[in-house]
Protein backbone atom coordinates (compact mmCIF):
# COMPACT_ATOMS: atom_id res chain seq x y z
CA MET A 1 85.67 193.41 138.03
CA HIS A 2 84.25 192.43 134.68
CA GLN A 3 80.46 192.82 134.76
CA LYS A 4 79.95 189.31 133.39
CA PHE A 5 81.12 187.85 136.71
CA LEU A 6 78.71 189.99 138.69
CA LYS A 7 75.87 189.00 136.36
CA GLU A 8 76.82 185.31 136.73
CA ILE A 9 76.82 185.63 140.51
CA LYS A 10 73.47 187.45 140.58
CA LYS A 11 71.60 184.90 138.50
CA LEU A 12 72.61 181.89 140.65
CA HIS A 13 70.79 180.76 143.78
CA TRP A 14 73.46 180.77 146.47
CA VAL A 15 73.28 178.56 149.55
CA TYR A 16 75.45 179.05 152.62
CA GLN A 17 77.59 175.93 153.02
CA TRP A 18 80.31 176.29 155.64
CA ALA A 19 82.61 178.60 157.60
CA GLY A 20 85.85 177.68 159.33
CA ASN A 21 89.52 178.23 159.97
CA TRP A 22 90.75 177.82 156.38
CA PRO A 23 92.72 180.62 154.69
CA LEU A 24 92.91 180.92 150.91
CA LEU A 25 95.94 178.69 150.32
CA ASP A 26 94.65 175.86 152.51
CA SER A 27 91.27 175.96 150.84
CA ILE A 28 92.23 176.26 147.20
CA ARG A 29 95.33 174.04 147.08
CA GLN A 30 93.08 171.02 146.81
CA ARG A 31 91.24 172.25 143.72
CA ASP A 32 93.96 171.43 141.22
CA ALA A 33 93.92 169.15 138.18
CA ALA A 34 94.35 166.03 140.34
CA TYR A 35 91.40 167.09 142.50
CA GLU A 36 89.19 167.68 139.46
CA LYS A 37 90.12 164.31 137.95
CA GLU A 38 89.30 162.50 141.20
CA PHE A 39 86.07 164.41 141.72
CA ARG A 40 84.88 163.56 138.22
CA ARG A 41 85.53 159.87 138.96
CA LEU A 42 83.36 160.13 142.06
CA CYS A 43 80.65 162.59 141.05
CA GLY A 44 80.64 162.72 137.26
CA ASP A 45 81.76 166.34 137.17
CA VAL A 46 83.19 169.01 139.44
CA PRO A 47 81.08 171.84 140.88
CA ARG A 48 81.18 174.52 138.17
CA ARG A 49 80.28 177.46 140.40
CA GLU A 50 81.51 178.00 143.95
CA LEU A 51 82.09 181.18 145.88
CA PHE A 52 84.57 181.64 148.74
CA LEU A 53 84.96 184.65 151.01
CA PHE A 54 88.08 184.99 153.19
CA ARG A 55 88.43 187.35 156.15
CA GLY A 56 91.67 186.89 158.02
CA GLU A 57 91.95 183.17 158.65
CA THR A 58 88.23 182.43 158.26
CA GLU A 59 86.72 181.04 155.07
CA THR A 60 83.00 181.20 154.30
CA VAL A 61 81.79 179.01 151.44
CA TYR A 62 78.66 179.44 149.31
CA HIS A 63 77.47 176.89 146.77
CA ALA A 64 75.04 177.41 143.95
CA GLN A 65 71.79 175.47 144.41
CA GLU A 66 72.01 174.62 140.72
CA GLU A 67 75.24 172.69 141.43
CA TYR A 68 73.63 170.71 144.23
CA ASP A 69 70.72 169.83 141.96
CA ARG A 70 73.01 168.65 139.17
CA LEU A 71 75.27 166.55 141.41
CA ASP A 72 72.27 165.12 143.27
CA ARG A 73 70.76 163.88 140.01
CA PHE A 74 74.02 162.20 138.99
CA LEU A 75 74.55 160.51 142.38
CA LEU A 76 70.95 159.29 142.58
CA ARG A 77 71.12 157.80 139.08
CA ARG A 78 74.35 156.08 140.04
CA PHE A 79 72.81 154.73 143.24
CA ASP A 80 69.80 153.41 141.32
CA ARG A 81 72.10 151.50 138.99
CA ASP A 82 74.60 150.36 141.61
CA PRO A 83 73.76 150.89 145.33
CA GLY A 84 77.12 149.39 146.35
CA PHE A 85 79.09 152.26 144.81
CA LEU A 86 78.95 154.30 148.05
CA VAL A 87 81.37 151.94 149.79
CA ARG A 88 83.31 150.79 146.75
CA THR A 89 84.37 154.29 145.60
CA VAL A 90 86.39 154.78 148.81
CA ALA A 91 87.63 151.20 149.21
CA ASP A 92 91.25 152.22 148.49
CA TYR A 93 91.21 155.27 150.78
CA ARG A 94 93.74 153.99 153.32
CA THR A 95 96.20 152.79 150.66
CA ARG A 96 96.14 156.12 148.84
CA VAL A 97 96.42 158.41 151.86
CA ASN A 98 99.23 156.30 153.30
CA ALA A 99 101.19 156.75 150.08
CA ASP A 100 100.63 160.52 150.22
CA LEU A 101 101.67 160.68 153.88
CA ILE A 102 104.89 158.80 153.17
CA ALA A 103 105.73 161.33 150.45
CA LEU A 104 104.89 164.33 152.66
CA ARG A 105 106.92 162.98 155.59
CA ALA A 106 109.86 162.81 153.21
CA VAL A 107 109.26 166.47 152.25
CA ARG A 108 109.40 167.46 155.92
CA ARG A 109 112.83 165.83 156.32
CA ILE A 110 114.38 167.94 153.54
CA ASN A 111 116.58 170.85 154.61
CA VAL A 112 114.63 173.42 152.59
CA ALA A 113 116.86 176.33 153.63
CA THR A 114 119.63 174.97 151.37
CA LEU A 115 117.48 174.81 148.22
CA SER A 116 117.58 177.29 145.36
CA ARG A 117 114.41 179.18 144.45
CA ALA A 118 113.88 176.87 141.46
CA SER A 119 114.30 173.73 143.58
CA LEU A 120 112.03 175.14 146.27
CA ALA A 121 109.35 175.84 143.65
CA LYS A 122 109.59 172.25 142.36
CA LEU A 123 109.27 170.88 145.88
CA PHE A 124 106.25 173.12 146.50
CA ILE A 125 104.55 171.70 143.38
CA LYS A 126 105.45 168.12 144.34
CA ALA A 127 104.07 168.56 147.85
CA LEU A 128 100.75 169.90 146.54
CA GLU A 129 100.40 166.83 144.32
CA HIS A 130 100.23 164.73 147.49
CA HIS A 131 97.60 166.97 149.02
CA SER A 132 94.70 166.47 146.60
CA TYR A 133 93.15 163.06 147.21
CA ASN A 134 92.27 163.31 150.90
CA PRO A 135 90.58 166.76 150.62
CA THR A 136 88.64 165.45 147.62
CA ILE A 137 87.27 162.62 149.73
CA ASP A 138 86.41 165.08 152.51
CA ILE A 139 84.20 167.06 150.12
CA TYR A 140 82.79 163.87 148.54
CA ASP A 141 81.85 162.59 152.02
CA TRP A 142 79.99 165.82 152.63
CA TYR A 143 78.01 165.55 149.40
CA ILE A 144 77.05 161.94 150.11
CA GLU A 145 75.95 162.72 153.69
CA ARG A 146 73.98 165.77 152.56
CA LEU A 147 72.08 163.83 149.88
CA PHE A 148 71.57 160.36 151.38
CA THR A 149 71.01 161.11 155.09
CA PRO A 150 67.54 162.66 154.44
CA LEU A 151 66.67 159.69 152.19
CA LEU A 152 67.59 157.22 154.93
CA GLU A 153 65.69 159.34 157.45
CA LYS A 154 62.56 159.16 155.26
CA ASP A 155 62.93 155.38 154.93
CA LEU A 156 63.25 154.95 158.70
CA GLN A 157 60.30 157.24 159.36
CA GLN A 158 58.10 154.95 157.27
CA ARG A 159 59.36 151.83 159.04
CA LEU A 160 59.05 153.31 162.53
CA GLY A 161 55.72 154.97 161.74
CA ALA A 162 54.29 151.58 160.82
CA ARG A 163 55.42 150.32 164.25
CA GLY A 164 53.99 153.31 166.10
CA THR A 165 57.40 154.64 167.26
CA PRO A 166 58.17 157.59 164.92
CA ASP A 167 59.72 159.58 167.81
CA ARG A 168 62.73 157.21 167.82
CA ILE A 169 63.92 158.30 164.36
CA SER A 170 66.88 160.36 165.64
CA GLU A 171 68.03 157.57 167.95
CA TYR A 172 67.84 154.91 165.24
CA LEU A 173 69.47 156.98 162.52
CA HIS A 174 72.35 157.92 164.81
CA ALA A 175 72.87 154.28 165.81
CA LEU A 176 72.79 152.96 162.26
CA VAL A 177 75.32 155.35 160.75
CA THR A 178 77.76 155.47 163.70
CA PRO A 179 81.07 153.99 162.42
CA HIS A 180 82.22 150.52 163.48
CA GLU A 181 85.93 151.37 163.17
CA GLN A 182 88.43 153.00 165.52
CA SER A 183 89.46 156.36 164.09
CA GLY A 184 92.82 158.06 164.47
CA ILE A 185 91.24 160.49 166.93
CA TRP A 186 89.99 157.61 169.09
CA LYS A 187 93.42 155.97 169.07
CA GLU A 188 95.14 159.27 169.93
CA ARG A 189 92.81 159.82 172.89
CA GLN A 190 93.42 156.31 174.22
CA GLN A 191 97.19 156.80 174.16
CA PHE A 192 96.73 160.18 175.86
CA PHE A 193 94.41 158.69 178.49
CA ASN A 194 96.95 155.93 179.19
CA ILE A 195 99.36 158.62 180.42
CA ILE A 196 96.76 159.98 182.83
CA ARG A 197 95.80 156.48 184.01
CA TRP A 198 99.44 155.80 184.87
CA ILE A 199 99.72 159.10 186.78
CA ARG A 200 96.50 158.45 188.70
CA ARG A 201 97.80 155.08 189.86
CA LYS A 202 101.00 156.67 191.27
CA LYS A 203 100.24 158.95 194.23
CA GLU A 204 103.55 160.83 194.04
CA ALA A 205 103.20 161.42 190.30
CA LEU A 206 99.60 162.54 190.73
CA ARG A 207 100.58 165.04 193.44
CA ALA A 208 103.36 166.39 191.21
CA ALA A 209 100.93 166.84 188.29
CA GLN A 210 98.32 168.48 190.52
CA ARG A 211 100.95 170.92 191.75
CA GLU A 212 101.70 171.69 188.06
CA ILE A 213 105.40 170.93 188.41
CA ALA A 214 107.23 171.30 185.08
CA CYS A 215 106.91 168.46 182.57
CA ASN A 216 110.67 167.80 182.27
CA GLU A 217 111.10 167.55 186.01
CA VAL A 218 108.25 165.08 186.47
CA CYS A 219 109.20 162.95 183.46
CA THR A 220 112.84 162.80 184.65
CA ARG A 221 111.73 161.70 188.10
CA PHE A 222 109.31 159.05 186.78
CA LYS A 223 111.05 157.18 183.95
CA VAL A 224 107.99 155.21 182.81
CA LEU A 225 105.96 158.41 182.58
CA GLY A 226 108.72 160.03 180.55
CA LYS A 227 108.67 157.12 178.12
CA LEU A 228 104.87 157.27 177.75
CA PHE A 229 104.97 161.04 177.26
CA ARG A 230 107.73 160.93 174.62
CA ALA A 231 105.95 158.14 172.74
CA TYR A 232 102.78 160.19 172.62
CA MET A 233 104.57 163.32 171.41
CA HIS A 234 106.39 161.33 168.70
CA ALA A 235 103.14 159.76 167.47
CA TYR A 236 100.77 162.73 167.71
CA VAL A 237 102.62 166.05 167.79
CA TRP A 238 100.74 167.00 164.62
CA MET A 239 97.20 166.11 165.79
CA PRO A 240 95.82 169.67 166.43
CA VAL A 241 97.09 171.16 163.16
CA LEU A 242 94.25 170.30 160.74
CA VAL A 243 95.27 173.05 158.32
CA ASN A 244 95.86 176.21 160.27
CA ASN A 245 96.51 175.51 163.97
CA PRO A 246 99.89 175.09 165.70
CA PRO A 247 101.11 171.57 166.50
CA HIS A 248 101.36 170.23 170.03
CA THR A 249 104.21 171.36 172.27
CA GLU A 250 105.34 169.67 175.46
CA GLU A 251 103.82 172.59 177.36
CA THR A 252 100.36 172.34 175.75
CA VAL A 253 100.15 168.56 176.21
CA TRP A 254 101.39 168.71 179.81
CA LYS A 255 98.86 171.46 180.54
CA GLU A 256 96.05 169.22 179.30
CA ILE A 257 97.38 166.34 181.41
CA THR A 258 97.58 168.46 184.57
CA ASP A 259 94.06 169.78 183.94
CA TYR A 260 92.76 166.20 184.00
CA CYS A 261 94.77 165.42 187.13
CA ILE A 262 93.55 168.53 188.98
CA SER A 263 89.89 168.21 187.94
CA GLY A 264 89.66 164.42 188.16
CA LYS A 265 87.26 164.46 185.23
CA PRO A 266 86.47 161.11 183.57
CA LEU A 267 88.50 159.90 180.61
CA ILE A 268 85.78 160.17 178.01
CA VAL A 269 86.28 161.23 174.39
CA GLU A 270 84.33 164.42 173.73
CA ALA A 271 82.78 163.82 170.32
CA LYS A 272 82.99 166.35 167.51
CA ARG A 273 82.03 163.96 164.73
CA LEU A 274 80.29 160.59 164.65
CA GLY A 275 83.57 158.72 164.18
CA ASP A 276 85.32 160.20 167.20
CA ILE A 277 83.91 157.56 169.55
CA TYR A 278 84.30 153.80 169.25
CA ASP A 279 81.58 152.02 171.21
CA PRO A 280 81.20 148.20 170.90
CA GLU A 281 77.75 148.43 172.47
CA ALA A 282 76.70 150.90 169.76
CA ILE A 283 77.87 148.39 167.14
CA HIS A 284 75.76 145.64 168.73
CA ARG A 285 72.80 148.04 168.94
CA SER A 286 73.03 148.92 165.24
CA LYS A 287 73.09 145.22 164.32
CA ARG A 288 70.00 144.59 166.46
CA ILE A 289 68.18 147.46 164.75
CA MET A 290 69.11 146.11 161.31
CA ARG A 291 67.65 142.71 162.25
CA ASP A 292 64.62 144.17 164.03
CA LEU A 293 63.63 146.39 161.08
CA HIS A 294 64.50 143.69 158.50
CA ILE A 295 66.78 146.10 156.66
CA SER A 296 68.27 144.81 153.42
CA GLY A 297 68.81 145.74 149.78
CA ARG A 298 69.06 149.44 148.89
CA THR A 299 68.47 150.64 152.45
CA ARG A 300 71.28 148.43 153.73
CA HIS A 301 73.65 149.79 151.07
CA MET A 302 72.66 153.33 152.05
CA ILE A 303 73.41 152.65 155.73
CA LEU A 304 76.78 151.02 154.98
CA GLY A 305 77.71 153.91 152.70
CA LEU A 306 76.75 156.61 155.20
CA ARG A 307 78.51 154.72 157.99
CA ARG A 308 81.69 154.63 155.92
CA MET A 309 81.39 158.33 155.07
CA ALA A 310 80.90 159.20 158.76
CA PHE A 311 84.14 157.36 159.55
CA LEU A 312 86.05 159.05 156.73
CA ARG A 313 84.76 162.48 157.77
CA THR A 314 86.68 161.91 161.01
CA GLU A 315 89.64 160.11 159.51
CA ASP A 316 90.29 162.60 156.73
CA TYR A 317 90.64 165.36 159.35
CA VAL A 318 93.39 163.26 160.97
CA VAL A 319 95.14 162.84 157.62
CA MET A 320 94.81 166.58 156.88
CA SER A 321 96.41 167.40 160.22
CA GLU A 322 99.51 165.31 159.63
CA SER A 323 99.73 166.41 155.98
CA SER A 324 99.62 170.09 156.97
CA TYR A 325 102.15 169.52 159.76
CA CYS A 326 104.57 167.99 157.25
CA LEU A 327 104.33 171.13 155.11
CA ILE A 328 105.10 173.67 157.86
CA PRO A 329 108.91 173.84 157.22
CA LEU A 330 108.40 174.10 153.45
CA TYR A 331 105.72 176.79 153.72
CA THR A 332 107.79 178.72 156.27
CA GLU A 333 110.83 178.80 153.97
CA VAL A 334 108.79 179.68 150.88
CA ALA A 335 107.17 182.51 152.83
CA ARG A 336 110.57 183.83 153.98
CA ARG A 337 111.86 183.92 150.42
CA ILE A 338 109.00 186.17 149.26
CA GLY A 339 108.96 188.41 152.33
CA LEU A 340 106.04 186.90 154.22
CA SER A 341 105.40 185.01 157.43
CA TYR A 342 103.99 181.47 157.44
CA ALA A 343 100.52 182.83 158.28
CA GLU A 344 100.69 185.58 155.65
CA LEU A 345 101.62 183.10 152.91
CA LYS A 346 98.22 181.49 153.26
CA HIS A 347 96.43 184.53 151.84
CA PHE A 348 97.78 183.79 148.35
CA LEU A 349 97.05 181.26 145.62
CA PRO A 350 99.62 178.56 144.77
CA GLU A 351 100.26 180.03 141.32
CA GLU A 352 100.84 183.49 142.81
CA ILE A 353 103.31 182.04 145.30
CA LEU A 354 105.17 180.18 142.56
CA ASN A 355 105.41 183.27 140.35
CA LEU A 356 106.81 185.38 143.19
CA LEU A 357 109.25 182.66 144.22
CA ARG A 358 110.60 182.05 140.72
CA ALA A 359 110.96 185.78 140.04
CA GLY A 360 112.56 186.49 143.40
CA LYS A 361 109.93 189.13 144.16
CA ARG A 362 108.25 190.14 147.41
CA VAL A 363 104.58 190.80 148.14
CA PRO A 364 103.62 194.51 148.42
CA LYS A 365 102.32 195.25 151.94
CA LYS A 366 99.23 197.00 150.54
CA GLU A 367 98.24 193.86 148.66
CA LEU A 368 98.74 191.74 151.78
CA GLN A 369 96.49 194.02 153.85
CA GLN A 370 93.75 193.89 151.20
CA ARG A 371 93.89 190.09 151.18
CA ILE A 372 93.59 189.86 154.96
CA SER A 373 90.70 192.35 155.04
CA LEU A 374 88.50 190.53 152.49
CA THR A 375 89.21 188.27 149.54
CA CYS A 376 86.63 186.76 147.23
CA LEU A 377 87.35 183.74 145.05
CA PHE A 378 84.78 182.87 142.40
CA SER A 379 85.34 179.44 140.90
CA VAL A 380 83.43 179.05 137.67
CA LYS A 381 83.74 176.59 134.77
CA GLY A 382 87.26 175.49 135.65
CA GLY A 383 88.65 178.99 136.29
CA ASN A 384 89.42 180.79 139.54
CA TYR A 385 88.85 184.54 139.70
CA LEU A 386 90.17 186.55 142.65
CA PHE A 387 88.74 189.86 143.87
CA THR A 388 89.80 192.08 146.76
CA GLY A 389 88.80 195.48 148.12
CA GLU A 390 85.65 197.09 146.69
CA GLU A 391 85.20 194.29 144.15
CA ALA A 392 85.13 191.65 146.87
CA ARG A 393 82.66 193.70 148.89
CA ALA A 394 80.41 194.05 145.84
CA VAL A 395 80.28 190.26 145.42
CA GLU A 396 79.63 189.73 149.12
CA LYS A 397 76.76 192.24 149.01
CA VAL A 398 75.09 190.42 146.11
CA VAL A 399 75.20 187.07 147.90
CA LEU A 400 74.07 188.34 151.32
CA THR A 401 71.26 190.39 149.78
CA GLN A 402 70.01 187.34 147.94
CA LEU A 403 70.11 185.19 151.08
CA LYS A 404 68.15 187.81 153.03
CA GLU A 405 65.49 188.04 150.32
CA ARG A 406 65.05 184.27 150.31
CA ALA A 407 64.90 183.96 154.11
CA LYS A 408 61.57 183.26 155.74
CA LYS A 409 59.81 186.27 157.19
CA GLY A 410 57.95 186.39 160.49
CA SER A 411 58.52 185.31 164.06
CA VAL A 412 58.03 181.51 163.71
CA LEU A 413 60.58 179.21 162.07
CA GLN A 414 60.47 175.43 161.68
CA GLY A 415 63.01 172.62 161.42
CA THR A 416 63.82 169.08 162.52
CA PRO A 417 64.06 168.48 166.30
CA ILE A 418 67.12 166.50 167.40
CA TYR A 419 67.22 166.43 171.20
CA HIS A 420 63.82 167.22 172.67
CA GLY A 421 62.90 169.88 175.20
CA VAL A 422 61.78 173.51 175.36
CA VAL A 423 64.15 176.35 176.31
CA ARG A 424 64.11 180.13 176.18
CA GLY A 425 66.95 182.61 176.05
CA LYS A 426 68.77 185.29 174.11
CA ALA A 427 69.99 184.42 170.62
CA ARG A 428 73.71 184.39 169.87
CA VAL A 429 74.00 184.37 166.05
CA ALA A 430 77.38 183.08 164.85
CA HIS A 431 78.70 182.51 161.34
CA THR A 432 82.25 181.76 162.51
CA PRO A 433 83.85 180.07 165.54
CA VAL A 434 85.15 183.48 166.65
CA GLU A 435 81.59 184.82 166.80
CA ALA A 436 80.43 181.64 168.54
CA SER A 437 83.15 182.07 171.19
CA ARG A 438 81.25 185.13 172.50
CA ILE A 439 78.36 182.99 173.74
CA ARG A 440 77.30 183.63 177.33
CA LYS A 441 75.60 181.43 179.90
CA GLY A 442 71.92 180.92 179.13
CA GLU A 443 72.16 181.93 175.46
CA ILE A 444 70.86 179.97 172.48
CA LEU A 445 73.46 179.50 169.75
CA VAL A 446 72.17 180.15 166.23
CA VAL A 447 74.42 178.95 163.40
CA ALA A 448 74.11 178.47 159.67
CA SER A 449 76.26 175.35 159.71
CA ALA A 450 78.92 174.29 162.18
CA SER A 451 82.45 173.06 161.51
CA ALA A 452 84.50 171.31 164.20
CA GLY A 453 85.73 174.72 165.37
CA PHE A 454 82.22 175.49 166.66
CA VAL A 455 82.07 172.42 168.91
CA PRO A 456 83.47 173.94 172.18
CA PHE A 457 80.84 176.69 171.95
CA LEU A 458 77.98 174.37 171.00
CA ARG A 459 78.73 172.65 174.31
CA LYS A 460 78.12 175.89 176.21
CA ALA A 461 74.73 176.64 174.63
CA THR A 462 71.39 176.35 176.44
CA GLY A 463 69.79 175.54 173.10
CA ILE A 464 70.98 175.18 169.50
CA ILE A 465 69.38 176.32 166.23
CA ALA A 466 71.11 175.31 162.97
CA GLU A 467 70.03 176.61 159.58
CA PHE A 468 71.60 173.69 157.70
CA GLY A 469 72.67 170.19 158.65
CA GLY A 470 70.81 167.05 159.61
CA LEU A 471 70.73 164.29 162.17
CA THR A 472 74.44 163.54 161.77
CA SER A 473 75.71 167.15 161.86
CA HIS A 474 77.95 168.62 164.58
CA PRO A 475 75.04 170.32 166.40
CA ALA A 476 73.06 167.06 166.34
CA ILE A 477 75.94 165.03 167.76
CA ILE A 478 76.66 167.52 170.56
CA SER A 479 72.99 167.92 171.45
CA ARG A 480 72.49 164.18 171.91
CA GLU A 481 75.67 163.85 173.92
CA LEU A 482 74.91 166.75 176.29
CA ARG A 483 71.09 166.70 176.09
CA ILE A 484 70.74 170.21 174.70
CA PRO A 485 67.38 171.02 173.04
CA THR A 486 68.28 171.43 169.36
CA ILE A 487 66.54 172.03 166.04
CA VAL A 488 68.34 171.73 162.69
CA GLY A 489 67.29 172.61 159.14
CA VAL A 490 65.78 175.92 160.29
CA ARG A 491 66.00 177.82 157.01
CA GLY A 492 66.48 181.58 157.39
CA ALA A 493 67.42 181.37 161.08
CA THR A 494 70.62 183.45 160.83
CA VAL A 495 68.83 186.15 158.84
CA VAL A 496 65.56 186.40 160.75
CA LEU A 497 67.15 186.14 164.21
CA LYS A 498 69.51 188.80 165.54
CA ASN A 499 71.91 188.85 168.48
CA GLY A 500 69.96 189.53 171.65
CA ASP A 501 66.55 188.45 170.33
CA ARG A 502 64.53 186.56 172.95
CA VAL A 503 63.67 183.20 171.39
CA GLU A 504 61.98 179.96 172.35
CA VAL A 505 63.35 176.66 171.05
CA ASP A 506 60.52 174.14 171.09
CA ALA A 507 62.39 170.98 170.18
CA GLU A 508 59.27 168.92 170.86
CA LYS A 509 57.50 170.40 167.83
CA GLY A 510 60.54 171.65 165.85
CA ILE A 511 59.48 175.30 166.16
CA VAL A 512 61.53 178.43 166.88
CA ARG A 513 59.64 181.53 168.03
CA LYS A 514 60.63 185.10 168.79
CA ILE A 515 59.20 186.05 172.18
C-alpha cells in the first residue's frame, strides 16, 4: 500500500455508516459514471472519500465526517433557496426505474450460454448501465433522511413544547413522515395474504395445509388455490433477492403459507421500514396533525420530502430485488467462464471481471480466499483503490482505533428515547446481522446502525440501543411496533459496551448505564 493512502485515511474523521449483506460487486457496481452524474445532479458533488470493508458477504461502510459536512451545507443551501426540491428531484423515479426494469427483464430472457466472451462482456456492461439510477436514489434518500429528520424533529419540539406536550414528539414525527402510498412490499403481502384467506375459508384446504401436504398435491386438488399460488409466484418470485439472497421457490413460499395455517397468526405486515405498511387511518391522522399544528411553508415542504423519501427507501429495495434477480443468469454464466461460482463472482470489481472475461483467464484460488477473508475498498477523489490481506487489515486498524479514541468513556451514555420504559439485561453487541442472530432471550441488542437484515433480531430484543439513526430508523420503527424500550443516537455505544455487560436502558430519560 502506498503510504499516501494510509496518511489520507488517518487524517479523516471516520463515522460508521452501515453494515449489511452486500458483497463487493453488489456494492460498487452502482458507483460508475452514470451514478456519479446522477449524484451530482442531486447533491452537487459525489462523496470524495468513502471506505468499505468486506468480510465474506458482509459489507461495512464508513464515511468521512468531512463529506457529511460538505454535502449537508450544499443541501441546506438548496433547501433555503427552493424547499420544494426534495419532492421534485425524485418526481420521475417511477418512469426511470420502470425503463431500467424493462431492459433488465430483457437481459434475463437472453440465452447467455450461447454468447461469445466478447458478447457476454458487452451484455455485462449494458446490464450495469441499467443498475445505476435506483441505487443512487437509495443513497440520496439516506442523506436526505439523515439531514432533515433532526431538523423536522427540532421544529416539532418547539411546536409541541409551546403546547405543553413535548413527550409526543416521536408519535407526531412518525405519523407525519409515514408514506401515503402503497409500496411494492405492501402489495406483495396482500397478494400473499389472499392465498391464506382462501385456504382459511376452505376447511379441507386448511386441513391439508396444516398437515403440510406437498404444495403440488394441494394445488392440483384445489384448482382455485393453484391459480392463486401460480399468480403469486409469477409476480413475486424475485421479492427476497434484494442483492444477495436466493429468490423464492415453491417450497419456501408453501412453507410460509403452511406456517400461517398452522399457527393461525393474524395477517399483519411486519414492518421493516416506514413504507412497508399502508394505513388509511395513519394518513387521516397525519392530516389532522398538519391542521392542528398549522404546518405550512418550509416545514410542510420538509414533511412532504421526508414522506416521499421514506416511501422510496422501501420502494427502491423492491426495485433492487427484481433488478438483481434479472441478473442472476448473466452473473452465473460470467462466473462460470472465469472459473468462479455465482457467489464467488461478487468478491470482484466489474473492471476485474471484464478483464478476466475478455482475456479468457481464471481467478487464482489464493486471490479468491484473500478477497473472502477481508477486502478494503478506499474510494477517494473519483478513484477506487483495493487492498487485501495485511494492507486491508492495516486500514481497518486505523479506522477502528480512531473510532475507539473518539468514543465516550465511562459507564453512562445518552441518546434519544423512542419507545419509553426501563429494562435491564445483558448486552449483545452486533455490527452485522450474523452477530445479531446470536441474541438470546432477555438480552439488549446494541447496534451501530441497523439494515433490514437486523430486523428479525431487533424483534427478539428486550431493549434496543442504537449508536446512529433517528426516529425513522429500523430500530425506532420496530420499537414502536412491538413496544420495546429503545434509545437511538447513543454515540460510542458499540465501543463502550461489550458482549455480556449488564446494562440498564432508561428510555424515559434517554440514558444507558452499565450496572
